[in-house]
Amino acid sequence: MITADRVRLRTLLSTIRREGGTWTTRRAQDVYRPLGIVQRGTARHDLAALARRGHLVAVPGHDRAYRVNHAGGERR
């Protein structure tokens, strides 16, 4: 069964891969806002979860900023 959380994470990861660049909580919120998700904590948590899974890497010198991990990451 695919949960709403999983759909949300897949949506964010797909957008990050398509657009590239540096991703912050605010930028993730911009993706979520049209979906009716406005919680800053949700965006922050999701970026951290994608980093833990290897899809994103932290940007050195920036708090809670990430970019695509081109070296890999698990597929979900």
C-alpha atoms as a PDB file:
ATOM      1  CA  MET A   1       0.000   0.000   0.000  1.00  0.00           C
ATOM      2  CA  ILE A   2       1.334   3.406  -0.952  1.00  0.00           C
ATOM      3  CA  THR A   3       0.867   5.956   1.812  1.00  0.00           C
ATOM      4  CA  ALA A   4       0.396   9.701   1.484  1.00  0.00           C
ATOM      5  CA  ASP A   5       3.858  10.169   3.023  1.00  0.00           C
ATOM      6  CA  ARG A   6       5.433   7.987   0.364  1.00  0.00           C
ATOM      7  CA  VAL A   7       3.644   9.839  -2.437  1.00  0.00           C
ATOM      8  CA  ARG A   8       4.770  13.162  -0.960  1.00  0.00           C
ATOM      9  CA  LEU A   9       8.405  11.993  -0.768  1.00  0.00           C
ATOM     10  CA  ARG A  10       8.297  10.660  -4.332  1.00  0.00           C
ATOM     11  CA  THR A  11       6.840  13.946  -5.554  1.00  0.00           C
ATOM     12  CA  LEU A  12       9.551  15.948  -3.826  1.00  0.00           C
ATOM     13  CA  LEU A  13      12.366  13.685  -5.021  1.00  0.00           C
ATOM     14  CA  SER A  14      11.080  13.758  -8.600  1.00  0.00           C
ATOM     15  CA  THR A  15      10.956  17.556  -8.533  1.00  0.00           C
ATOM     16  CA  ILE A  16      14.426  17.809  -7.012  1.00  0.00           C
ATOM     17  CA  ARG A  17      15.884  15.517  -9.686  1.00  0.00           C
ATOM     18  CA  ARG A  18      14.147  17.412 -12.477  1.00  0.00           C
ATOM     19  CA  GLU A  19      15.064  20.920 -11.297  1.00  0.00           C
ATOM     20  CA  GLY A  20      18.426  20.253  -9.615  1.00  0.00           C
ATOM     21  CA  GLY A  21      20.228  22.927  -7.646  1.00  0.00           C
ATOM     22  CA  THR A  22      20.287  23.548  -3.928  1.00  0.00           C
ATOM     23  CA  TRP A  23      17.226  22.543  -1.933  1.00  0.00           C
ATOM     24  CA  THR A  24      16.222  24.224   1.286  1.00  0.00           C
ATOM     25  CA  THR A  25      13.165  23.829   3.464  1.00  0.00           C
ATOM     26  CA  ARG A  26      11.626  26.888   1.829  1.00  0.00           C
ATOM     27  CA  ARG A  27      12.092  25.479  -1.662  1.00  0.00           C
ATOM     28  CA  ALA A  28      10.542  22.155  -0.606  1.00  0.00           C
ATOM     29  CA  GLN A  29       7.616  24.083   0.875  1.00  0.00           C
ATOM     30  CA  ASP A  30       7.106  25.744  -2.508  1.00  0.00           C
ATOM     31  CA  VAL A  31       6.618  22.268  -4.005  1.00  0.00           C
ATOM     32  CA  TYR A  32       4.210  21.258  -1.256  1.00  0.00           C
ATOM     33  CA  ARG A  33       2.114  24.435  -1.038  1.00  0.00           C
ATOM     34  CA  PRO A  34      -0.044  23.622  -4.132  1.00  0.00           C
ATOM     35  CA  LEU A  35      -0.705  20.220  -2.540  1.00  0.00           C
ATOM     36  CA  GLY A  36      -2.102  21.935   0.551  1.00  0.00           C
ATOM     37  CA  ILE A  37       0.902  21.057   2.715  1.00  0.00           C
ATOM     38  CA  VAL A  38       2.204  24.111   4.531  1.00  0.00           C
ATOM     39  CA  GLN A  39       4.067  22.692   7.525  1.00  0.00           C
ATOM     40  CA  ARG A  40       7.712  23.799   7.540  1.00  0.00           C
ATOM     41  CA  GLY A  41       8.582  20.784   9.698  1.00  0.00           C
ATOM     42  CA  THR A  42       7.208  18.391   7.074  1.00  0.00           C
ATOM     43  CA  ALA A  43       9.445  19.861   4.388  1.00  0.00           C
ATOM     44  CA  ARG A  44      12.475  19.806   6.707  1.00  0.00           C
ATOM     45  CA  HIS A  45      11.791  16.215   7.756  1.00  0.00           C
ATOM     46  CA  ASP A  46      11.320  15.038   4.173  1.00  0.00           C
ATOM     47  CA  LEU A  47      14.579  16.583   2.962  1.00  0.00           C
ATOM     48  CA  ALA A  48      16.430  14.934   5.857  1.00  0.00           C
ATOM     49  CA  ALA A  49      14.738  11.591   5.112  1.00  0.00           C
ATOM     50  CA  LEU A  50      15.802  11.743   1.457  1.00  0.00           C
ATOM     51  CA  ALA A  51      19.350  12.528   2.589  1.00  0.00           C
ATOM     52  CA  ARG A  52      19.346   9.574   5.017  1.00  0.00           C
ATOM     53  CA  ARG A  53      18.258   7.314   2.153  1.00  0.00           C
ATOM     54  CA  GLY A  54      21.143   8.554   0.039  1.00  0.00           C
ATOM     55  CA  HIS A  55      19.174  10.510  -2.550  1.00  0.00           C
ATOM     56  CA  LEU A  56      20.492  13.883  -1.369  1.00  0.00           C
ATOM     57  CA  VAL A  57      23.735  15.152   0.133  1.00  0.00           C
ATOM     58  CA  ALA A  58      24.197  18.109   2.444  1.00  0.00           C
ATOM     59  CA  VAL A  59      25.649  21.271   0.938  1.00  0.00           C
ATOM     60  CA  PRO A  60      28.822  22.112   2.884  1.00  0.00           C
ATOM     61  CA  GLY A  61      28.584  25.328   4.867  1.00  0.00           C
ATOM     62  CA  HIS A  62      24.783  25.592   4.661  1.00  0.00           C
ATOM     63  CA  ASP A  63      22.384  24.550   7.396  1.00  0.00           C
ATOM     64  CA  ARG A  64      19.783  22.141   6.093  1.00  0.00           C
ATOM     65  CA  ALA A  65      20.534  22.638   2.411  1.00  0.00           C
ATOM     66  CA  TYR A  66      20.797  19.652   0.092  1.00  0.00           C
ATOM     67  CA  ARG A  67      21.523  18.733  -3.509  1.00  0.00           C
ATOM     68  CA  VAL A  68      21.063  15.569  -5.553  1.00  0.00           C
ATOM     69  CA  ASN A  69      23.493  12.781  -4.744  1.00  0.00           C
ATOM     70  CA  HIS A  70      24.715  11.857  -8.212  1.00  0.00           C
ATOM     71  CA  ALA A  71      26.686   8.966  -6.735  1.00  0.00           C
ATOM     72  CA  GLY A  72      23.530   7.047  -5.997  1.00  0.00           C
ATOM     73  CA  GLY A  73      20.994   6.415  -3.336  1.00  0.00           C
ATOM     74  CA  GLU A  74      18.464   3.689  -2.916  1.00  0.00           C
ATOM     75  CA  ARG A  75      15.534   3.564  -5.303  1.00  0.00           C
ATOM     76  CA  ARG A  76      12.078   3.782  -3.739  1.00  0.00           C
END
